[in-house]
Amino acid sequence: MIKNSKPKCEWKSKLLLGEGVLWVRKLNSVFFVDIKKRKILSFNIKTKSKSIFNINKEIGFLSHIKKNIFILGLKSEIRVMDLKKKIVIFSINIELNKKRNRINDG
C-alpha cells in the first residue's frame, strides 16, 4: 500500500535566490543556499532547529565532506570550510579576471 502525505512548510525562509538543496544524513539536516543574500541555511529534521551561516561572497553550491566541513562554490573561489567553527580550511581563487563569474551547480 502506498502511503500519501501532504507537503508541509517547515520554514518560511524568505530567500532572494534559493538553490542547492543538500541532504546530509549524518547531520539529519537539509542545507540550501541563498545566492544573493550570501547565506547557507540548514534545517535539522529531527530537532526542527534552523541555522543560518553568513558567507562573504555569493554562493552557488555546497557539498558535504565530513562532520561540519563543507566545500563551497563561491564567486571566483572554491573554499573548504568548517561551518560550525567558521574556519576556512582551504581556499583557491578561480578566474579573478572575470568579474561577473560565479561558480554554480557543483
PDB file of N, CA and C in Angstrom:
ATOM      1  N   MET A   1       0.828  -1.175   0.000  1.00  0.00           N
ATOM      2  CA  MET A   1       0.000   0.000   0.000  1.00  0.00           C
ATOM      3  C   MET A   1       0.876   1.243   0.000  1.00  0.00           C
ATOM      4  N   ILE A   2       0.576   2.178  -0.863  1.00  0.00           N
ATOM      5  CA  ILE A   2       1.298   3.433  -0.950  1.00  0.00           C
ATOM      6  C   ILE A   2       0.680   4.439   0.014  1.00  0.00           C
ATOM      7  N   LYS A   3       1.536   4.996   0.831  1.00  0.00           N
ATOM      8  CA  LYS A   3       1.074   5.989   1.795  1.00  0.00           C
ATOM      9  C   LYS A   3       1.268   7.388   1.211  1.00  0.00           C
ATOM     10  N   ASN A   4       0.235   8.171   1.195  1.00  0.00           N
ATOM     11  CA  ASN A   4       0.292   9.541   0.683  1.00  0.00           C
ATOM     12  C   ASN A   4       0.400  10.525   1.838  1.00  0.00           C
ATOM     13  N   SER A   5       1.110  11.594   1.587  1.00  0.00           N
ATOM     14  CA  SER A   5       1.186  12.656   2.591  1.00  0.00           C
ATOM     15  C   SER A   5       1.146  14.004   1.886  1.00  0.00           C
ATOM     16  N   LYS A   6       0.788  14.993   2.635  1.00  0.00           N
ATOM     17  CA  LYS A   6       0.730  16.342   2.082  1.00  0.00           C
ATOM     18  C   LYS A   6       1.990  17.089   2.499  1.00  0.00           C
ATOM     19  N   PRO A   7       2.603  17.827   1.560  1.00  0.00           N
ATOM     20  CA  PRO A   7       3.778  18.630   1.917  1.00  0.00           C
ATOM     21  C   PRO A   7       3.405  19.689   2.956  1.00  0.00           C
ATOM     22  N   LYS A   8       4.363  19.997   3.811  1.00  0.00           N
ATOM     23  CA  LYS A   8       4.150  20.996   4.851  1.00  0.00           C
ATOM     24  C   LYS A   8       5.371  21.902   4.908  1.00  0.00           C
ATOM     25  N   CYS A   9       5.163  23.189   4.921  1.00  0.00           N
ATOM     26  CA  CYS A   9       6.255  24.149   5.008  1.00  0.00           C
ATOM     27  C   CYS A   9       6.778  24.186   6.448  1.00  0.00           C
ATOM     28  N   GLU A  10       8.050  23.893   6.613  1.00  0.00           N
ATOM     29  CA  GLU A  10       8.672  23.900   7.942  1.00  0.00           C
ATOM     30  C   GLU A  10       9.386  25.217   8.240  1.00  0.00           C
ATOM     31  N   TRP A  11       9.706  25.983   7.167  1.00  0.00           N
ATOM     32  CA  TRP A  11      10.483  27.196   7.384  1.00  0.00           C
ATOM     33  C   TRP A  11      10.227  28.171   6.245  1.00  0.00           C
ATOM     34  N   LYS A  12       9.617  29.280   6.555  1.00  0.00           N
ATOM     35  CA  LYS A  12       9.411  30.339   5.560  1.00  0.00           C
ATOM     36  C   LYS A  12      10.651  31.229   5.610  1.00  0.00           C
ATOM     37  N   SER A  13      11.667  30.836   4.870  1.00  0.00           N
ATOM     38  CA  SER A  13      12.993  31.448   4.988  1.00  0.00           C
ATOM     39  C   SER A  13      13.167  32.742   4.202  1.00  0.00           C
ATOM     40  N   LYS A  14      12.218  33.097   3.351  1.00  0.00           N
ATOM     41  CA  LYS A  14      12.246  34.355   2.595  1.00  0.00           C
ATOM     42  C   LYS A  14      13.549  34.533   1.813  1.00  0.00           C
ATOM     43  N   LEU A  15      13.869  33.537   1.012  1.00  0.00           N
ATOM     44  CA  LEU A  15      15.073  33.584   0.193  1.00  0.00           C
ATOM     45  C   LEU A  15      14.913  34.567  -0.951  1.00  0.00           C
ATOM     46  N   LEU A  16      16.019  35.160  -1.364  1.00  0.00           N
ATOM     47  CA  LEU A  16      16.027  36.023  -2.533  1.00  0.00           C
ATOM     48  C   LEU A  16      16.288  35.178  -3.783  1.00  0.00           C
ATOM     49  N   LEU A  17      17.304  34.304  -3.717  1.00  0.00           N
ATOM     50  CA  LEU A  17      17.607  33.372  -4.806  1.00  0.00           C
ATOM     51  C   LEU A  17      18.113  32.076  -4.184  1.00  0.00           C
ATOM     52  N   GLY A  18      17.172  31.185  -3.864  1.00  0.00           N
ATOM     53  CA  GLY A  18      17.493  29.933  -3.200  1.00  0.00           C
ATOM     54  C   GLY A  18      17.802  28.823  -4.185  1.00  0.00           C
ATOM     55  N   GLU A  19      18.836  28.042  -3.873  1.00  0.00           N
ATOM     56  CA  GLU A  19      19.245  26.905  -4.698  1.00  0.00           C
ATOM     57  C   GLU A  19      20.015  25.904  -3.858  1.00  0.00           C
ATOM     58  N   GLY A  20      20.489  24.864  -4.540  1.00  0.00           N
ATOM     59  CA  GLY A  20      21.489  23.951  -3.995  1.00  0.00           C
ATOM     60  C   GLY A  20      21.058  23.129  -2.805  1.00  0.00           C
ATOM     61  N   VAL A  21      19.898  22.534  -2.849  1.00  0.00           N
ATOM     62  CA  VAL A  21      19.427  21.722  -1.716  1.00  0.00           C
ATOM     63  C   VAL A  21      20.331  20.501  -1.545  1.00  0.00           C
ATOM     64  N   LEU A  22      20.765  20.276  -0.309  1.00  0.00           N
ATOM     65  CA  LEU A  22      21.671  19.175   0.013  1.00  0.00           C
ATOM     66  C   LEU A  22      21.198  18.480   1.282  1.00  0.00           C
ATOM     67  N   TRP A  23      20.964  17.179   1.206  1.00  0.00           N
ATOM     68  CA  TRP A  23      20.593  16.385   2.371  1.00  0.00           C
ATOM     69  C   TRP A  23      21.864  15.763   2.939  1.00  0.00           C
ATOM     70  N   VAL A  24      22.135  15.967   4.246  1.00  0.00           N
ATOM     71  CA  VAL A  24      23.278  15.365   4.928  1.00  0.00           C
ATOM     72  C   VAL A  24      22.732  14.459   6.021  1.00  0.00           C
ATOM     73  N   ARG A  25      22.703  13.183   5.709  1.00  0.00           N
ATOM     74  CA  ARG A  25      22.091  12.193   6.599  1.00  0.00           C
ATOM     75  C   ARG A  25      22.742  12.172   7.980  1.00  0.00           C
ATOM     76  N   LYS A  26      24.069  12.217   8.025  1.00  0.00           N
ATOM     77  CA  LYS A  26      24.773  12.137   9.311  1.00  0.00           C
ATOM     78  C   LYS A  26      24.469  13.323  10.225  1.00  0.00           C
ATOM     79  N   LEU A  27      24.042  14.429   9.646  1.00  0.00           N
ATOM     80  CA  LEU A  27      23.678  15.611  10.444  1.00  0.00           C
ATOM     81  C   LEU A  27      22.160  15.771  10.567  1.00  0.00           C
ATOM     82  N   ASN A  28      21.402  14.842   9.969  1.00  0.00           N
ATOM     83  CA  ASN A  28      19.937  14.900   9.960  1.00  0.00           C
ATOM     84  C   ASN A  28      19.422  16.240   9.436  1.00  0.00           C
ATOM     85  N   SER A  29      20.146  16.809   8.495  1.00  0.00           N
ATOM     86  CA  SER A  29      19.831  18.175   8.084  1.00  0.00           C
ATOM     87  C   SER A  29      19.773  18.355   6.572  1.00  0.00           C
ATOM     88  N   VAL A  30      18.919  19.292   6.193  1.00  0.00           N
ATOM     89  CA  VAL A  30      18.834  19.753   4.818  1.00  0.00           C
ATOM     90  C   VAL A  30      19.542  21.110   4.779  1.00  0.00           C
ATOM     91  N   PHE A  31      20.449  21.264   3.824  1.00  0.00           N
ATOM     92  CA  PHE A  31      21.167  22.523   3.630  1.00  0.00           C
ATOM     93  C   PHE A  31      20.744  23.112   2.300  1.00  0.00           C
ATOM     94  N   PHE A  32      20.720  24.432   2.220  1.00  0.00           N
ATOM     95  CA  PHE A  32      20.441  25.120   0.961  1.00  0.00           C
ATOM     96  C   PHE A  32      21.041  26.514   1.044  1.00  0.00           C
ATOM     97  N   VAL A  33      21.162  27.166  -0.099  1.00  0.00           N
ATOM     98  CA  VAL A  33      21.837  28.465  -0.123  1.00  0.00           C
ATOM     99  C   VAL A  33      20.906  29.557  -0.633  1.00  0.00           C
ATOM    100  N   ASP A  34      21.189  30.767  -0.204  1.00  0.00           N
ATOM    101  CA  ASP A  34      20.600  31.953  -0.804  1.00  0.00           C
ATOM    102  C   ASP A  34      21.759  32.685  -1.467  1.00  0.00           C
ATOM    103  N   ILE A  35      21.823  32.569  -2.779  1.00  0.00           N
ATOM    104  CA  ILE A  35      22.954  33.094  -3.538  1.00  0.00           C
ATOM    105  C   ILE A  35      23.125  34.593  -3.308  1.00  0.00           C
ATOM    106  N   LYS A  36      22.074  35.346  -3.504  1.00  0.00           N
ATOM    107  CA  LYS A  36      22.166  36.811  -3.445  1.00  0.00           C
ATOM    108  C   LYS A  36      22.355  37.352  -2.028  1.00  0.00           C
ATOM    109  N   LYS A  37      21.778  36.681  -1.036  1.00  0.00           N
ATOM    110  CA  LYS A  37      21.939  37.145   0.347  1.00  0.00           C
ATOM    111  C   LYS A  37      23.205  36.587   1.002  1.00  0.00           C
ATOM    112  N   ARG A  38      23.937  35.726   0.250  1.00  0.00           N
ATOM    113  CA  ARG A  38      25.205  35.161   0.717  1.00  0.00           C
ATOM    114  C   ARG A  38      25.048  34.393   2.025  1.00  0.00           C
ATOM    115  N   LYS A  39      24.106  33.452   2.007  1.00  0.00           N
ATOM    116  CA  LYS A  39      23.814  32.679   3.212  1.00  0.00           C
ATOM    117  C   LYS A  39      23.693  31.191   2.904  1.00  0.00           C
ATOM    118  N   ILE A  40      24.087  30.375   3.889  1.00  0.00           N
ATOM    119  CA  ILE A  40      23.808  28.946   3.884  1.00  0.00           C
ATOM    120  C   ILE A  40      22.799  28.728   5.001  1.00  0.00           C
ATOM    121  N   LEU A  41      21.740  28.011   4.691  1.00  0.00           N
ATOM    122  CA  LEU A  41      20.711  27.727   5.686  1.00  0.00           C
ATOM    123  C   LEU A  41      20.658  26.220   5.910  1.00  0.00           C
ATOM    124  N   SER A  42      20.400  25.809   7.133  1.00  0.00           N
ATOM    125  CA  SER A  42      20.231  24.383   7.413  1.00  0.00           C
ATOM    126  C   SER A  42      19.036  24.167   8.327  1.00  0.00           C
ATOM    127  N   PHE A  43      18.397  23.034   8.106  1.00  0.00           N
ATOM    128  CA  PHE A  43      17.223  22.660   8.897  1.00  0.00           C
ATOM    129  C   PHE A  43      17.384  21.220   9.325  1.00  0.00           C
ATOM    130  N   ASN A  44      17.446  20.993  10.645  1.00  0.00           N
ATOM    131  CA  ASN A  44      17.555  19.643  11.195  1.00  0.00           C
ATOM    132  C   ASN A  44      16.154  19.050  11.287  1.00  0.00           C
ATOM    133  N   ILE A  45      15.928  17.952  10.590  1.00  0.00           N
ATOM    134  CA  ILE A  45      14.574  17.395  10.529  1.00  0.00           C
ATOM    135  C   ILE A  45      14.142  16.714  11.824  1.00  0.00           C
ATOM    136  N   LYS A  46      15.091  16.315  12.678  1.00  0.00           N
ATOM    137  CA  LYS A  46      14.730  15.674  13.946  1.00  0.00           C
ATOM    138  C   LYS A  46      14.438  16.695  15.035  1.00  0.00           C
ATOM    139  N   THR A  47      15.309  17.684  15.167  1.00  0.00           N
ATOM    140  CA  THR A  47      15.152  18.669  16.239  1.00  0.00           C
ATOM    141  C   THR A  47      14.352  19.893  15.808  1.00  0.00           C
ATOM    142  N   LYS A  48      14.159  20.030  14.484  1.00  0.00           N
ATOM    143  CA  LYS A  48      13.477  21.190  13.887  1.00  0.00           C
ATOM    144  C   LYS A  48      14.285  22.484  14.069  1.00  0.00           C
ATOM    145  N   SER A  49      15.572  22.352  14.413  1.00  0.00           N
ATOM    146  CA  SER A  49      16.396  23.548  14.595  1.00  0.00           C
ATOM    147  C   SER A  49      16.836  24.105  13.241  1.00  0.00           C
ATOM    148  N   LYS A  50      16.964  25.417  13.204  1.00  0.00           N
ATOM    149  CA  LYS A  50      17.332  26.147  11.989  1.00  0.00           C
ATOM    150  C   LYS A  50      18.628  26.895  12.247  1.00  0.00           C
ATOM    151  N   SER A  51      19.495  26.902  11.243  1.00  0.00           N
ATOM    152  CA  SER A  51      20.748  27.642  11.349  1.00  0.00           C
ATOM    153  C   SER A  51      20.982  28.430  10.067  1.00  0.00           C
ATOM    154  N   ILE A  52      21.581  29.596  10.218  1.00  0.00           N
ATOM    155  CA  ILE A  52      21.953  30.425   9.070  1.00  0.00           C
ATOM    156  C   ILE A  52      23.421  30.789   9.228  1.00  0.00           C
ATOM    157  N   PHE A  53      24.193  30.530   8.157  1.00  0.00           N
ATOM    158  CA  PHE A  53      25.612  30.844   8.131  1.00  0.00           C
ATOM    159  C   PHE A  53      25.834  31.938   7.094  1.00  0.00           C
ATOM    160  N   ASN A  54      26.384  33.048   7.503  1.00  0.00           N
ATOM    161  CA  ASN A  54      26.678  34.148   6.583  1.00  0.00           C
ATOM    162  C   ASN A  54      28.017  33.894   5.899  1.00  0.00           C
ATOM    163  N   ILE A  55      28.045  34.116   4.601  1.00  0.00           N
ATOM    164  CA  ILE A  55      29.250  33.942   3.798  1.00  0.00           C
ATOM    165  C   ILE A  55      29.553  35.295   3.163  1.00  0.00           C
ATOM    166  N   ASN A  56      30.818  35.605   2.962  1.00  0.00           N
ATOM    167  CA  ASN A  56      31.180  36.938   2.470  1.00  0.00           C
ATOM    168  C   ASN A  56      31.111  37.091   0.949  1.00  0.00           C
ATOM    169  N   LYS A  57      30.708  36.046   0.222  1.00  0.00           N
ATOM    170  CA  LYS A  57      30.589  36.103  -1.235  1.00  0.00           C
ATOM    171  C   LYS A  57      29.318  35.387  -1.657  1.00  0.00           C
ATOM    172  N   GLU A  58      28.878  35.670  -2.883  1.00  0.00           N
ATOM    173  CA  GLU A  58      27.756  34.905  -3.426  1.00  0.00           C
ATOM    174  C   GLU A  58      28.151  33.437  -3.485  1.00  0.00           C
ATOM    175  N   ILE A  59      27.223  32.569  -3.120  1.00  0.00           N
ATOM    176  CA  ILE A  59      27.496  31.129  -3.075  1.00  0.00           C
ATOM    177  C   ILE A  59      26.585  30.406  -4.056  1.00  0.00           C
ATOM    178  N   GLY A  60      27.182  29.558  -4.874  1.00  0.00           N
ATOM    179  CA  GLY A  60      26.419  28.821  -5.878  1.00  0.00           C
ATOM    180  C   GLY A  60      26.104  27.401  -5.463  1.00  0.00           C
ATOM    181  N   PHE A  61      26.974  26.799  -4.639  1.00  0.00           N
ATOM    182  CA  PHE A  61      26.717  25.427  -4.192  1.00  0.00           C
ATOM    183  C   PHE A  61      27.491  25.128  -2.924  1.00  0.00           C
ATOM    184  N   LEU A  62      27.079  24.069  -2.249  1.00  0.00           N
ATOM    185  CA  LEU A  62      27.852  23.497  -1.162  1.00  0.00           C
ATOM    186  C   LEU A  62      27.744  21.991  -1.229  1.00  0.00           C
ATOM    187  N   SER A  63      28.775  21.319  -0.759  1.00  0.00           N
ATOM    188  CA  SER A  63      28.795  19.862  -0.718  1.00  0.00           C
ATOM    189  C   SER A  63      29.445  19.439   0.593  1.00  0.00           C
ATOM    190  N   HIS A  64      28.941  18.375   1.170  1.00  0.00           N
ATOM    191  CA  HIS A  64      29.421  17.911   2.470  1.00  0.00           C
ATOM    192  C   HIS A  64      30.669  17.053   2.300  1.00  0.00           C
ATOM    193  N   ILE A  65      31.659  17.265   3.165  1.00  0.00           N
ATOM    194  CA  ILE A  65      32.862  16.442   3.175  1.00  0.00           C
ATOM    195  C   ILE A  65      32.803  15.485   4.360  1.00  0.00           C
ATOM    196  N   LYS A  66      32.795  16.020   5.584  1.00  0.00           N
ATOM    197  CA  LYS A  66      32.640  15.222   6.800  1.00  0.00           C
ATOM    198  C   LYS A  66      32.312  16.150   7.961  1.00  0.00           C
ATOM    199  N   LYS A  67      31.666  15.605   8.973  1.00  0.00           N
ATOM    200  CA  LYS A  67      31.265  16.373  10.155  1.00  0.00           C
ATOM    201  C   LYS A  67      30.675  17.716   9.740  1.00  0.00           C
ATOM    202  N   ASN A  68      31.271  18.824  10.154  1.00  0.00           N
ATOM    203  CA  ASN A  68      30.767  20.159   9.805  1.00  0.00           C
ATOM    204  C   ASN A  68      31.595  20.817   8.703  1.00  0.00           C
ATOM    205  N   ILE A  69      32.327  20.014   7.951  1.00  0.00           N
ATOM    206  CA  ILE A  69      33.202  20.533   6.903  1.00  0.00           C
ATOM    207  C   ILE A  69      32.531  20.398   5.541  1.00  0.00           C
ATOM    208  N   PHE A  70      32.504  21.524   4.816  1.00  0.00           N
ATOM    209  CA  PHE A  70      31.839  21.588   3.515  1.00  0.00           C
ATOM    210  C   PHE A  70      32.764  22.231   2.502  1.00  0.00           C
ATOM    211  N   ILE A  71      32.523  21.933   1.229  1.00  0.00           N
ATOM    212  CA  ILE A  71      33.168  22.648   0.138  1.00  0.00           C
ATOM    213  C   ILE A  71      32.134  23.604  -0.438  1.00  0.00           C
ATOM    214  N   LEU A  72      32.543  24.847  -0.662  1.00  0.00           N
ATOM    215  CA  LEU A  72      31.636  25.888  -1.139  1.00  0.00           C
ATOM    216  C   LEU A  72      32.107  26.396  -2.496  1.00  0.00           C
ATOM    217  N   GLY A  73      31.169  26.565  -3.401  1.00  0.00           N
ATOM    218  CA  GLY A  73      31.451  27.209  -4.683  1.00  0.00           C
ATOM    219  C   GLY A  73      30.991  28.655  -4.594  1.00  0.00           C
ATOM    220  N   LEU A  74      31.940  29.560  -4.556  1.00  0.00           N
ATOM    221  CA  LEU A  74      31.647  30.977  -4.338  1.00  0.00           C
ATOM    222  C   LEU A  74      31.968  31.805  -5.579  1.00  0.00           C
ATOM    223  N   LYS A  75      31.750  33.078  -5.488  1.00  0.00           N
ATOM    224  CA  LYS A  75      32.140  33.983  -6.568  1.00  0.00           C
ATOM    225  C   LYS A  75      33.658  33.971  -6.666  1.00  0.00           C
ATOM    226  N   SER A  76      34.179  33.424  -7.754  1.00  0.00           N
ATOM    227  CA  SER A  76      35.623  33.358  -8.051  1.00  0.00           C
ATOM    228  C   SER A  76      36.440  32.600  -7.011  1.00  0.00           C
ATOM    229  N   GLU A  77      35.821  31.650  -6.295  1.00  0.00           N
ATOM    230  CA  GLU A  77      36.568  30.924  -5.257  1.00  0.00           C
ATOM    231  C   GLU A  77      35.933  29.569  -4.956  1.00  0.00           C
ATOM    232  N   ILE A  78      36.800  28.578  -4.724  1.00  0.00           N
ATOM    233  CA  ILE A  78      36.391  27.310  -4.122  1.00  0.00           C
ATOM    234  C   ILE A  78      36.950  27.342  -2.706  1.00  0.00           C
ATOM    235  N   ARG A  79      36.104  27.068  -1.719  1.00  0.00           N
ATOM    236  CA  ARG A  79      36.520  27.163  -0.324  1.00  0.00           C
ATOM    237  C   ARG A  79      36.088  25.909   0.432  1.00  0.00           C
ATOM    238  N   VAL A  80      36.982  25.394   1.261  1.00  0.00           N
ATOM    239  CA  VAL A  80      36.661  24.321   2.201  1.00  0.00           C
ATOM    240  C   VAL A  80      36.578  24.977   3.570  1.00  0.00           C
ATOM    241  N   MET A  81      35.462  24.712   4.266  1.00  0.00           N
ATOM    242  CA  MET A  81      35.196  25.466   5.488  1.00  0.00           C
ATOM    243  C   MET A  81      34.502  24.603   6.540  1.00  0.00           C
ATOM    244  N   ASP A  82      34.873  24.817   7.791  1.00  0.00           N
ATOM    245  CA  ASP A  82      34.145  24.243   8.914  1.00  0.00           C
ATOM    246  C   ASP A  82      33.059  25.267   9.263  1.00  0.00           C
ATOM    247  N   LEU A  83      31.821  24.950   8.931  1.00  0.00           N
ATOM    248  CA  LEU A  83      30.728  25.910   9.144  1.00  0.00           C
ATOM    249  C   LEU A  83      30.468  26.173  10.618  1.00  0.00           C
ATOM    250  N   LYS A  84      30.567  25.147  11.441  1.00  0.00           N
ATOM    251  CA  LYS A  84      30.277  25.311  12.859  1.00  0.00           C
ATOM    252  C   LYS A  84      31.305  26.226  13.540  1.00  0.00           C
ATOM    253  N   LYS A  85      32.581  26.012  13.221  1.00  0.00           N
ATOM    254  CA  LYS A  85      33.650  26.819  13.827  1.00  0.00           C
ATOM    255  C   LYS A  85      33.925  28.108  13.054  1.00  0.00           C
ATOM    256  N   LYS A  86      33.317  28.240  11.872  1.00  0.00           N
ATOM    257  CA  LYS A  86      33.510  29.404  10.998  1.00  0.00           C
ATOM    258  C   LYS A  86      34.983  29.583  10.631  1.00  0.00           C
ATOM    259  N   ILE A  87      35.632  28.464  10.293  1.00  0.00           N
ATOM    260  CA  ILE A  87      37.051  28.466   9.950  1.00  0.00           C
ATOM    261  C   ILE A  87      37.222  28.046   8.492  1.00  0.00           C
ATOM    262  N   VAL A  88      37.995  28.840   7.742  1.00  0.00           N
ATOM    263  CA  VAL A  88      38.356  28.473   6.375  1.00  0.00           C
ATOM    264  C   VAL A  88      39.557  27.542   6.455  1.00  0.00           C
ATOM    265  N   ILE A  89      39.406  26.342   5.893  1.00  0.00           N
ATOM    266  CA  ILE A  89      40.462  25.337   5.913  1.00  0.00           C
ATOM    267  C   ILE A  89      41.343  25.451   4.676  1.00  0.00           C
ATOM    268  N   PHE A  90      40.708  25.737   3.547  1.00  0.00           N
ATOM    269  CA  PHE A  90      41.426  25.831   2.277  1.00  0.00           C
ATOM    270  C   PHE A  90      40.638  26.739   1.352  1.00  0.00           C
ATOM    271  N   SER A  91      41.357  27.467   0.508  1.00  0.00           N
ATOM    272  CA  SER A  91      40.698  28.348  -0.450  1.00  0.00           C
ATOM    273  C   SER A  91      41.569  28.467  -1.694  1.00  0.00           C
ATOM    274  N   ILE A  92      40.923  28.485  -2.848  1.00  0.00           N
ATOM    275  CA  ILE A  92      41.634  28.725  -4.102  1.00  0.00           C
ATOM    276  C   ILE A  92      40.791  29.661  -4.948  1.00  0.00           C
ATOM    277  N   ASN A  93      41.427  30.686  -5.477  1.00  0.00           N
ATOM    278  CA  ASN A  93      40.732  31.645  -6.332  1.00  0.00           C
ATOM    279  C   ASN A  93      40.602  31.089  -7.746  1.00  0.00           C
ATOM    280  N   ILE A  94      39.497  31.415  -8.397  1.00  0.00           N
ATOM    281  CA  ILE A  94      39.200  30.955  -9.755  1.00  0.00           C
ATOM    282  C   ILE A  94      38.832  32.165 -10.614  1.00  0.00           C
ATOM    283  N   GLU A  95      39.518  32.350 -11.713  1.00  0.00           N
ATOM    284  CA  GLU A  95      39.175  33.362 -12.721  1.00  0.00           C
ATOM    285  C   GLU A  95      38.857  34.742 -12.118  1.00  0.00           C
ATOM    286  N   LEU A  96      39.786  35.269 -11.373  1.00  0.00           N
ATOM    287  CA  LEU A  96      39.594  36.584 -10.757  1.00  0.00           C
ATOM    288  C   LEU A  96      39.408  37.694 -11.790  1.00  0.00           C
ATOM    289  N   ASN A  97      39.897  37.489 -13.000  1.00  0.00           N
ATOM    290  CA  ASN A  97      39.782  38.492 -14.055  1.00  0.00           C
ATOM    291  C   ASN A  97      38.376  38.561 -14.657  1.00  0.00           C
ATOM    292  N   LYS A  98      37.510  37.617 -14.316  1.00  0.00           N
ATOM    293  CA  LYS A  98      36.143  37.601 -14.836  1.00  0.00           C
ATOM    294  C   LYS A  98      35.192  38.028 -13.725  1.00  0.00           C
ATOM    295  N   LYS A  99      34.960  39.301 -13.628  1.00  0.00           N
ATOM    296  CA  LYS A  99      34.238  39.915 -12.501  1.00  0.00           C
ATOM    297  C   LYS A  99      32.800  39.414 -12.330  1.00  0.00           C
ATOM    298  N   ARG A 100      32.166  38.985 -13.401  1.00  0.00           N
ATOM    299  CA  ARG A 100      30.763  38.565 -13.310  1.00  0.00           C
ATOM    300  C   ARG A 100      30.602  37.057 -13.104  1.00  0.00           C
ATOM    301  N   ASN A 101      31.712  36.324 -13.074  1.00  0.00           N
ATOM    302  CA  ASN A 101      31.638  34.872 -12.911  1.00  0.00           C
ATOM    303  C   ASN A 101      31.269  34.485 -11.488  1.00  0.00           C
ATOM    304  N   ARG A 102      30.508  33.413 -11.394  1.00  0.00           N
ATOM    305  CA  ARG A 102      30.173  32.823 -10.092  1.00  0.00           C
ATOM    306  C   ARG A 102      30.112  31.315 -10.293  1.00  0.00           C
ATOM    307  N   ILE A 103      30.779  30.576  -9.437  1.00  0.00           N
ATOM    308  CA  ILE A 103      30.755  29.120  -9.529  1.00  0.00           C
ATOM    309  C   ILE A 103      29.361  28.664  -9.118  1.00  0.00           C
ATOM    310  N   ASN A 104      28.756  27.816  -9.948  1.00  0.00           N
ATOM    311  CA  ASN A 104      27.364  27.428  -9.733  1.00  0.00           C
ATOM    312  C   ASN A 104      27.187  25.930  -9.966  1.00  0.00           C
ATOM    313  N   ASP A 105      26.212  25.339  -9.315  1.00  0.00           N
ATOM    314  CA  ASP A 105      25.812  23.953  -9.526  1.00  0.00           C
ATOM    315  C   ASP A 105      26.978  22.979  -9.467  1.00  0.00           C
ATOM    316  N   GLY A 106      27.527  22.800  -8.256  1.00  0.00           N
ATOM    317  CA  GLY A 106      28.667  21.920  -8.025  1.00  0.00           C
ATOM    318  C   GLY A 106      28.427  20.523  -8.451  1.00  0.00           C
TER     319      GLY A 106
END
